[in-house]
């Protein structure tokens, strides 16, 4: 962890995010870490999440509803937000897609494209299935 003083709470947050694919909110992280550190404050969790995101140890995913989600994966990948349940899912696309997006954007921008961040929206299979079941009744 980039030249920071070691913190058990921060290490616990990072360990939790590295072991989950659920893209939790800060509140969800807080509830999990509070089990190990009952006296931890929500503010401490927020500060550590933002610090970890700033130094590149985790990814912060801003969502339209204003509640950021957090991901232990820092490699290049995309996310889909389900409009039904609000869950966030990983979406694996090829490296050629990344290159295509950057090249195309660069052709329409008077400058240099350095990176991009795209969120996809849709319905997860569980929400689609639930809608179909309701439609059959």
N, C-alpha and C. Protein backbone atom coordinates (compact mmCIF):
# COMPACT_ATOMS: atom_id res chain seq x y z
N UNK A 1 0.83 -1.20 0.00
CA UNK A 1 0.00 0.00 0.00
C UNK A 1 0.87 1.25 0.00
N UNK A 2 0.99 1.92 -1.03
CA UNK A 2 1.74 3.13 -1.25
C UNK A 2 2.16 3.91 -0.02
N UNK A 3 3.33 3.77 0.50
CA UNK A 3 3.94 4.55 1.59
C UNK A 3 2.99 5.20 2.58
N UNK A 4 2.02 4.49 3.05
CA UNK A 4 1.12 4.99 4.08
C UNK A 4 1.40 4.25 5.37
N UNK A 5 1.12 4.91 6.47
CA UNK A 5 1.21 4.23 7.75
C UNK A 5 0.18 3.11 7.74
N UNK A 6 0.60 1.92 8.19
CA UNK A 6 -0.29 0.77 8.19
C UNK A 6 -1.49 1.02 9.10
N UNK A 7 -2.64 0.62 8.64
CA UNK A 7 -3.87 0.74 9.41
C UNK A 7 -4.63 -0.58 9.31
N UNK A 8 -4.95 -1.17 10.44
CA UNK A 8 -5.72 -2.43 10.45
C UNK A 8 -7.08 -2.23 9.80
N UNK A 9 -7.71 -1.10 10.08
CA UNK A 9 -9.03 -0.82 9.51
C UNK A 9 -8.94 -0.72 7.98
N UNK A 10 -7.94 0.00 7.49
CA UNK A 10 -7.77 0.17 6.04
C UNK A 10 -7.47 -1.18 5.39
N UNK A 11 -6.64 -1.98 6.03
CA UNK A 11 -6.32 -3.30 5.51
C UNK A 11 -7.57 -4.18 5.47
N UNK A 12 -8.43 -4.05 6.47
CA UNK A 12 -9.67 -4.82 6.51
C UNK A 12 -10.62 -4.41 5.38
N UNK A 13 -10.70 -3.12 5.13
CA UNK A 13 -11.53 -2.60 4.03
C UNK A 13 -11.01 -3.14 2.70
N UNK A 14 -9.71 -3.06 2.49
CA UNK A 14 -9.11 -3.53 1.24
C UNK A 14 -9.31 -5.04 1.07
N UNK A 15 -9.14 -5.78 2.15
CA UNK A 15 -9.33 -7.24 2.09
C UNK A 15 -10.78 -7.58 1.74
N UNK A 16 -11.72 -6.88 2.34
CA UNK A 16 -13.13 -7.12 2.04
C UNK A 16 -13.44 -6.85 0.56
N UNK A 17 -12.98 -5.71 0.07
CA UNK A 17 -13.25 -5.35 -1.33
C UNK A 17 -12.55 -6.29 -2.30
N UNK A 18 -11.38 -6.78 -1.93
CA UNK A 18 -10.66 -7.70 -2.81
C UNK A 18 -11.35 -9.06 -2.87
N UNK A 19 -12.17 -9.38 -1.87
CA UNK A 19 -12.80 -10.69 -1.80
C UNK A 19 -14.26 -10.71 -2.20
N UNK A 20 -14.79 -9.59 -2.70
CA UNK A 20 -16.20 -9.56 -3.07
C UNK A 20 -16.36 -9.06 -4.50
N UNK A 21 -17.41 -9.54 -5.16
CA UNK A 21 -17.73 -9.07 -6.51
C UNK A 21 -19.00 -8.23 -6.50
N UNK A 22 -19.46 -7.85 -5.30
CA UNK A 22 -20.76 -7.19 -5.18
C UNK A 22 -20.74 -5.67 -5.37
N UNK A 23 -19.57 -5.05 -5.46
CA UNK A 23 -19.46 -3.60 -5.65
C UNK A 23 -20.26 -2.86 -4.57
N UNK A 24 -19.89 -3.02 -3.31
CA UNK A 24 -20.68 -2.44 -2.21
C UNK A 24 -20.59 -0.92 -2.11
N UNK A 25 -21.59 -0.36 -1.45
CA UNK A 25 -21.58 1.07 -1.11
C UNK A 25 -20.70 1.24 0.13
N UNK A 26 -20.41 2.47 0.49
CA UNK A 26 -19.63 2.75 1.70
C UNK A 26 -20.37 2.22 2.93
N UNK A 27 -21.70 2.35 2.94
CA UNK A 27 -22.48 1.84 4.07
C UNK A 27 -22.35 0.34 4.21
N UNK A 28 -22.34 -0.37 3.08
CA UNK A 28 -22.20 -1.82 3.12
C UNK A 28 -20.81 -2.21 3.63
N UNK A 29 -19.79 -1.49 3.18
CA UNK A 29 -18.42 -1.73 3.65
C UNK A 29 -18.36 -1.48 5.15
N UNK A 30 -18.95 -0.38 5.58
CA UNK A 30 -18.98 -0.03 7.00
C UNK A 30 -19.60 -1.15 7.84
N UNK A 31 -20.74 -1.67 7.40
CA UNK A 31 -21.40 -2.74 8.16
C UNK A 31 -20.54 -3.99 8.24
N UNK A 32 -19.82 -4.29 7.18
CA UNK A 32 -18.95 -5.46 7.20
C UNK A 32 -17.74 -5.25 8.13
N UNK A 33 -17.07 -4.11 7.99
CA UNK A 33 -15.86 -3.83 8.77
C UNK A 33 -16.19 -3.64 10.24
N UNK A 34 -17.39 -3.13 10.53
CA UNK A 34 -17.83 -2.91 11.92
C UNK A 34 -17.88 -4.22 12.70
N UNK A 35 -18.08 -5.34 12.01
CA UNK A 35 -18.08 -6.65 12.69
C UNK A 35 -16.71 -6.92 13.31
N UNK A 36 -15.64 -6.54 12.63
CA UNK A 36 -14.29 -6.75 13.13
C UNK A 36 -13.82 -5.61 14.03
N UNK A 37 -14.27 -4.39 13.72
CA UNK A 37 -13.88 -3.20 14.47
C UNK A 37 -15.14 -2.47 14.92
N UNK A 38 -15.74 -2.89 16.03
CA UNK A 38 -17.03 -2.32 16.45
C UNK A 38 -17.02 -0.82 16.69
N UNK A 39 -15.87 -0.23 16.99
CA UNK A 39 -15.80 1.20 17.29
C UNK A 39 -15.47 2.06 16.08
N UNK A 40 -15.33 1.46 14.91
CA UNK A 40 -15.00 2.23 13.71
C UNK A 40 -16.17 3.13 13.34
N UNK A 41 -15.86 4.32 12.87
CA UNK A 41 -16.93 5.25 12.47
C UNK A 41 -17.15 5.18 10.96
N UNK A 42 -18.33 5.59 10.56
CA UNK A 42 -18.65 5.65 9.13
C UNK A 42 -17.71 6.63 8.43
N UNK A 43 -17.39 7.71 9.10
CA UNK A 43 -16.45 8.70 8.54
C UNK A 43 -15.08 8.10 8.26
N UNK A 44 -14.60 7.25 9.15
CA UNK A 44 -13.31 6.58 8.95
C UNK A 44 -13.37 5.68 7.72
N UNK A 45 -14.48 4.98 7.55
CA UNK A 45 -14.64 4.11 6.38
C UNK A 45 -14.64 4.96 5.12
N UNK A 46 -15.41 6.05 5.10
CA UNK A 46 -15.45 6.94 3.93
C UNK A 46 -14.06 7.49 3.61
N UNK A 47 -13.35 7.96 4.62
CA UNK A 47 -12.02 8.52 4.39
C UNK A 47 -11.07 7.47 3.81
N UNK A 48 -11.13 6.25 4.35
CA UNK A 48 -10.24 5.19 3.87
C UNK A 48 -10.62 4.73 2.47
N UNK A 49 -11.90 4.66 2.17
CA UNK A 49 -12.34 4.29 0.82
C UNK A 49 -11.84 5.32 -0.19
N UNK A 50 -12.01 6.59 0.13
CA UNK A 50 -11.56 7.65 -0.78
C UNK A 50 -10.04 7.65 -0.93
N UNK A 51 -9.32 7.41 0.16
CA UNK A 51 -7.87 7.33 0.11
C UNK A 51 -7.43 6.16 -0.76
N UNK A 52 -8.02 4.98 -0.55
CA UNK A 52 -7.67 3.81 -1.33
C UNK A 52 -7.96 4.02 -2.82
N UNK A 53 -9.06 4.70 -3.11
CA UNK A 53 -9.39 5.01 -4.51
C UNK A 53 -8.38 6.02 -5.09
N UNK A 54 -8.03 7.02 -4.31
CA UNK A 54 -7.08 8.05 -4.77
C UNK A 54 -5.71 7.46 -5.10
N UNK A 55 -5.27 6.46 -4.33
CA UNK A 55 -3.94 5.88 -4.57
C UNK A 55 -4.00 4.67 -5.51
N UNK A 56 -5.19 4.37 -6.02
CA UNK A 56 -5.32 3.32 -7.03
C UNK A 56 -5.41 1.91 -6.50
N UNK A 57 -5.67 1.75 -5.22
CA UNK A 57 -5.78 0.41 -4.63
C UNK A 57 -7.17 -0.20 -4.86
N UNK A 58 -8.17 0.64 -5.06
CA UNK A 58 -9.53 0.21 -5.36
C UNK A 58 -10.09 1.15 -6.42
N UNK A 59 -11.25 0.79 -6.95
CA UNK A 59 -11.92 1.64 -7.94
C UNK A 59 -13.21 2.18 -7.35
N UNK A 60 -13.41 3.49 -7.49
CA UNK A 60 -14.67 4.12 -7.08
C UNK A 60 -15.55 4.23 -8.32
N UNK A 61 -16.79 3.76 -8.19
CA UNK A 61 -17.74 3.78 -9.30
C UNK A 61 -18.86 4.75 -8.95
N UNK A 62 -18.83 5.95 -9.52
CA UNK A 62 -19.92 6.90 -9.26
C UNK A 62 -21.19 6.40 -9.94
N UNK A 63 -22.30 6.43 -9.25
CA UNK A 63 -23.57 5.98 -9.83
C UNK A 63 -24.53 7.16 -9.93
N UNK A 64 -25.51 7.06 -10.81
CA UNK A 64 -26.43 8.19 -11.02
C UNK A 64 -27.23 8.58 -9.78
N UNK A 65 -27.46 7.64 -8.87
CA UNK A 65 -28.24 7.96 -7.68
C UNK A 65 -27.40 8.65 -6.61
N UNK A 66 -26.11 8.87 -6.90
CA UNK A 66 -25.25 9.58 -5.97
C UNK A 66 -24.52 8.69 -4.98
N UNK A 67 -24.88 7.42 -4.89
CA UNK A 67 -24.21 6.50 -3.98
C UNK A 67 -23.07 5.80 -4.67
N UNK A 68 -21.84 6.20 -4.38
CA UNK A 68 -20.69 5.55 -5.00
C UNK A 68 -20.64 4.09 -4.62
N UNK A 69 -20.13 3.28 -5.53
CA UNK A 69 -19.86 1.87 -5.28
C UNK A 69 -18.36 1.69 -5.35
N UNK A 70 -17.87 0.61 -4.75
CA UNK A 70 -16.43 0.39 -4.68
C UNK A 70 -16.10 -1.02 -5.16
N UNK A 71 -14.96 -1.11 -5.84
CA UNK A 71 -14.54 -2.36 -6.47
C UNK A 71 -13.09 -2.62 -6.11
N UNK A 72 -12.80 -3.84 -5.67
CA UNK A 72 -11.43 -4.23 -5.35
C UNK A 72 -10.58 -4.45 -6.58
N UNK A 73 -11.22 -4.59 -7.73
CA UNK A 73 -10.48 -4.77 -8.99
C UNK A 73 -10.07 -3.42 -9.54
N UNK A 74 -8.80 -3.30 -9.87
CA UNK A 74 -8.30 -2.03 -10.42
C UNK A 74 -7.88 -2.18 -11.88
N UNK A 75 -7.99 -3.40 -12.43
CA UNK A 75 -7.66 -3.56 -13.84
C UNK A 75 -8.76 -2.93 -14.69
N UNK A 76 -8.47 -2.71 -15.95
CA UNK A 76 -9.42 -2.06 -16.84
C UNK A 76 -10.59 -2.99 -17.15
N UNK A 77 -11.77 -2.60 -16.73
CA UNK A 77 -12.99 -3.33 -17.05
C UNK A 77 -14.18 -2.39 -16.87
N UNK A 78 -15.32 -2.82 -17.36
CA UNK A 78 -16.51 -1.99 -17.35
C UNK A 78 -17.54 -2.51 -16.36
N UNK A 79 -18.57 -1.70 -16.14
CA UNK A 79 -19.63 -2.06 -15.20
C UNK A 79 -20.99 -1.83 -15.81
N UNK A 80 -21.94 -2.65 -15.39
CA UNK A 80 -23.34 -2.51 -15.77
C UNK A 80 -24.13 -2.29 -14.49
N UNK A 81 -24.98 -1.27 -14.48
CA UNK A 81 -25.87 -1.02 -13.35
C UNK A 81 -27.25 -1.51 -13.74
N UNK A 82 -27.81 -2.39 -12.92
CA UNK A 82 -29.15 -2.91 -13.19
C UNK A 82 -30.19 -1.87 -12.79
N UNK A 83 -31.05 -1.53 -13.75
CA UNK A 83 -32.09 -0.54 -13.47
C UNK A 83 -33.22 -1.12 -12.62
N UNK A 84 -33.23 -2.44 -12.45
CA UNK A 84 -34.24 -3.08 -11.61
C UNK A 84 -33.85 -3.12 -10.15
N UNK A 85 -32.72 -3.76 -9.85
CA UNK A 85 -32.32 -3.97 -8.46
C UNK A 85 -31.23 -3.01 -7.99
N UNK A 86 -30.58 -2.31 -8.92
CA UNK A 86 -29.53 -1.37 -8.56
C UNK A 86 -28.16 -1.99 -8.36
N UNK A 87 -28.04 -3.31 -8.51
CA UNK A 87 -26.74 -3.95 -8.36
C UNK A 87 -25.81 -3.55 -9.49
N UNK A 88 -24.51 -3.64 -9.21
CA UNK A 88 -23.48 -3.32 -10.19
C UNK A 88 -22.75 -4.62 -10.53
N UNK A 89 -22.56 -4.85 -11.83
CA UNK A 89 -21.93 -6.07 -12.31
C UNK A 89 -20.72 -5.74 -13.16
N UNK A 90 -19.70 -6.61 -13.12
CA UNK A 90 -18.55 -6.47 -14.01
C UNK A 90 -18.96 -6.85 -15.42
N UNK A 91 -18.38 -6.17 -16.39
CA UNK A 91 -18.60 -6.47 -17.79
C UNK A 91 -17.23 -6.54 -18.46
N UNK A 92 -16.90 -7.71 -18.94
CA UNK A 92 -15.60 -7.91 -19.57
C UNK A 92 -15.73 -7.66 -21.07
N UNK A 93 -15.01 -6.69 -21.57
CA UNK A 93 -14.95 -6.42 -23.01
C UNK A 93 -13.50 -6.50 -23.45
N UNK A 94 -13.28 -6.71 -24.73
CA UNK A 94 -11.92 -6.91 -25.24
C UNK A 94 -11.09 -5.63 -25.18
N UNK A 95 -9.78 -5.81 -25.20
CA UNK A 95 -8.86 -4.67 -25.24
C UNK A 95 -9.07 -3.85 -26.51
N UNK A 96 -9.49 -4.52 -27.59
CA UNK A 96 -9.71 -3.79 -28.84
C UNK A 96 -10.86 -2.80 -28.69
N UNK A 97 -11.83 -3.10 -27.82
CA UNK A 97 -12.92 -2.17 -27.55
C UNK A 97 -12.36 -0.91 -26.90
N UNK A 98 -11.49 -1.06 -25.90
CA UNK A 98 -10.84 0.09 -25.26
C UNK A 98 -10.12 0.96 -26.29
N UNK A 99 -9.34 0.31 -27.16
CA UNK A 99 -8.57 1.04 -28.16
C UNK A 99 -9.51 1.75 -29.14
N UNK A 100 -10.59 1.10 -29.53
CA UNK A 100 -11.56 1.69 -30.45
C UNK A 100 -12.18 2.94 -29.84
N UNK A 101 -12.61 2.84 -28.57
CA UNK A 101 -13.25 3.98 -27.90
C UNK A 101 -12.28 5.15 -27.82
N UNK A 102 -11.05 4.89 -27.37
CA UNK A 102 -10.07 5.97 -27.23
C UNK A 102 -9.74 6.59 -28.59
N UNK A 103 -9.56 5.76 -29.61
CA UNK A 103 -9.23 6.26 -30.95
C UNK A 103 -10.38 7.10 -31.50
N UNK A 104 -11.60 6.59 -31.39
CA UNK A 104 -12.76 7.30 -31.91
C UNK A 104 -12.95 8.63 -31.18
N UNK A 105 -12.84 8.61 -29.87
CA UNK A 105 -12.98 9.86 -29.09
C UNK A 105 -11.89 10.85 -29.48
N UNK A 106 -10.67 10.34 -29.68
CA UNK A 106 -9.55 11.19 -30.05
C UNK A 106 -9.74 11.88 -31.38
N UNK A 107 -10.48 11.22 -32.28
CA UNK A 107 -10.76 11.81 -33.59
C UNK A 107 -11.72 12.99 -33.49
N UNK A 108 -12.42 13.11 -32.39
CA UNK A 108 -13.42 14.17 -32.22
C UNK A 108 -13.06 15.13 -31.08
N UNK A 109 -11.79 15.09 -30.67
CA UNK A 109 -11.35 15.91 -29.54
C UNK A 109 -10.04 16.56 -29.93
N UNK A 110 -9.94 17.86 -29.71
CA UNK A 110 -8.71 18.59 -30.01
C UNK A 110 -7.80 18.51 -28.79
N UNK A 111 -7.16 17.39 -28.65
CA UNK A 111 -6.29 17.14 -27.51
C UNK A 111 -5.91 15.67 -27.50
N UNK A 112 -5.55 15.17 -26.34
CA UNK A 112 -5.14 13.77 -26.20
C UNK A 112 -6.07 13.07 -25.22
N UNK A 113 -6.68 11.98 -25.66
CA UNK A 113 -7.50 11.14 -24.77
C UNK A 113 -6.56 10.27 -23.95
N UNK A 114 -6.67 10.34 -22.63
CA UNK A 114 -5.79 9.56 -21.75
C UNK A 114 -6.48 8.33 -21.20
N UNK A 115 -7.79 8.41 -20.98
CA UNK A 115 -8.52 7.27 -20.46
C UNK A 115 -10.01 7.52 -20.63
N UNK A 116 -10.81 6.55 -20.24
CA UNK A 116 -12.26 6.72 -20.29
C UNK A 116 -12.90 5.88 -19.19
N UNK A 117 -14.14 6.25 -18.89
CA UNK A 117 -14.90 5.54 -17.87
C UNK A 117 -16.34 5.48 -18.37
N UNK A 118 -16.82 4.27 -18.63
CA UNK A 118 -18.15 4.09 -19.18
C UNK A 118 -18.96 3.19 -18.27
N UNK A 119 -20.19 3.61 -17.97
CA UNK A 119 -21.14 2.76 -17.24
C UNK A 119 -22.23 2.34 -18.22
N UNK A 120 -22.57 1.07 -18.18
CA UNK A 120 -23.67 0.57 -18.99
C UNK A 120 -24.87 0.37 -18.07
N UNK A 121 -26.06 0.51 -18.62
CA UNK A 121 -27.29 0.35 -17.87
C UNK A 121 -28.14 -0.72 -18.53
N UNK A 122 -28.79 -1.51 -17.73
CA UNK A 122 -29.66 -2.56 -18.25
C UNK A 122 -30.35 -3.28 -17.11
N UNK A 123 -30.87 -4.44 -17.38
CA UNK A 123 -31.51 -5.26 -16.35
C UNK A 123 -30.77 -6.58 -16.26
N UNK A 124 -30.48 -7.00 -15.04
CA UNK A 124 -29.79 -8.27 -14.83
C UNK A 124 -30.74 -9.43 -15.12
N UNK A 125 -30.18 -10.61 -15.28
CA UNK A 125 -31.00 -11.77 -15.63
C UNK A 125 -32.04 -12.08 -14.55
N UNK A 126 -31.68 -11.82 -13.30
CA UNK A 126 -32.62 -12.07 -12.21
C UNK A 126 -33.84 -11.13 -12.30
N UNK A 127 -33.60 -9.86 -12.57
CA UNK A 127 -34.71 -8.90 -12.70
C UNK A 127 -35.54 -9.20 -13.93
N UNK A 128 -34.88 -9.60 -15.02
CA UNK A 128 -35.63 -9.98 -16.24
C UNK A 128 -36.52 -11.18 -15.96
N UNK A 129 -35.97 -12.15 -15.25
CA UNK A 129 -36.73 -13.35 -14.91
C UNK A 129 -37.92 -13.02 -14.02
N UNK A 130 -37.71 -12.15 -13.04
CA UNK A 130 -38.80 -11.74 -12.14
C UNK A 130 -39.89 -11.01 -12.90
N UNK A 131 -39.50 -10.16 -13.86
CA UNK A 131 -40.49 -9.45 -14.67
C UNK A 131 -41.31 -10.43 -15.52
N UNK A 132 -40.63 -11.44 -16.07
CA UNK A 132 -41.32 -12.43 -16.88
C UNK A 132 -42.31 -13.24 -16.04
N UNK A 133 -41.90 -13.56 -14.81
CA UNK A 133 -42.80 -14.32 -13.92
C UNK A 133 -44.04 -13.50 -13.56
N UNK A 134 -43.83 -12.20 -13.31
CA UNK A 134 -44.97 -11.34 -12.98
C UNK A 134 -45.91 -11.20 -14.16
N UNK A 135 -45.34 -11.18 -15.38
CA UNK A 135 -46.15 -11.06 -16.58
C UNK A 135 -46.99 -12.29 -16.86
N UNK A 136 -46.56 -13.45 -16.33
CA UNK A 136 -47.27 -14.69 -16.57
C UNK A 136 -48.45 -14.88 -15.64
N UNK A 137 -48.48 -14.11 -14.57
CA UNK A 137 -49.55 -14.30 -13.58
C UNK A 137 -50.83 -13.67 -14.04
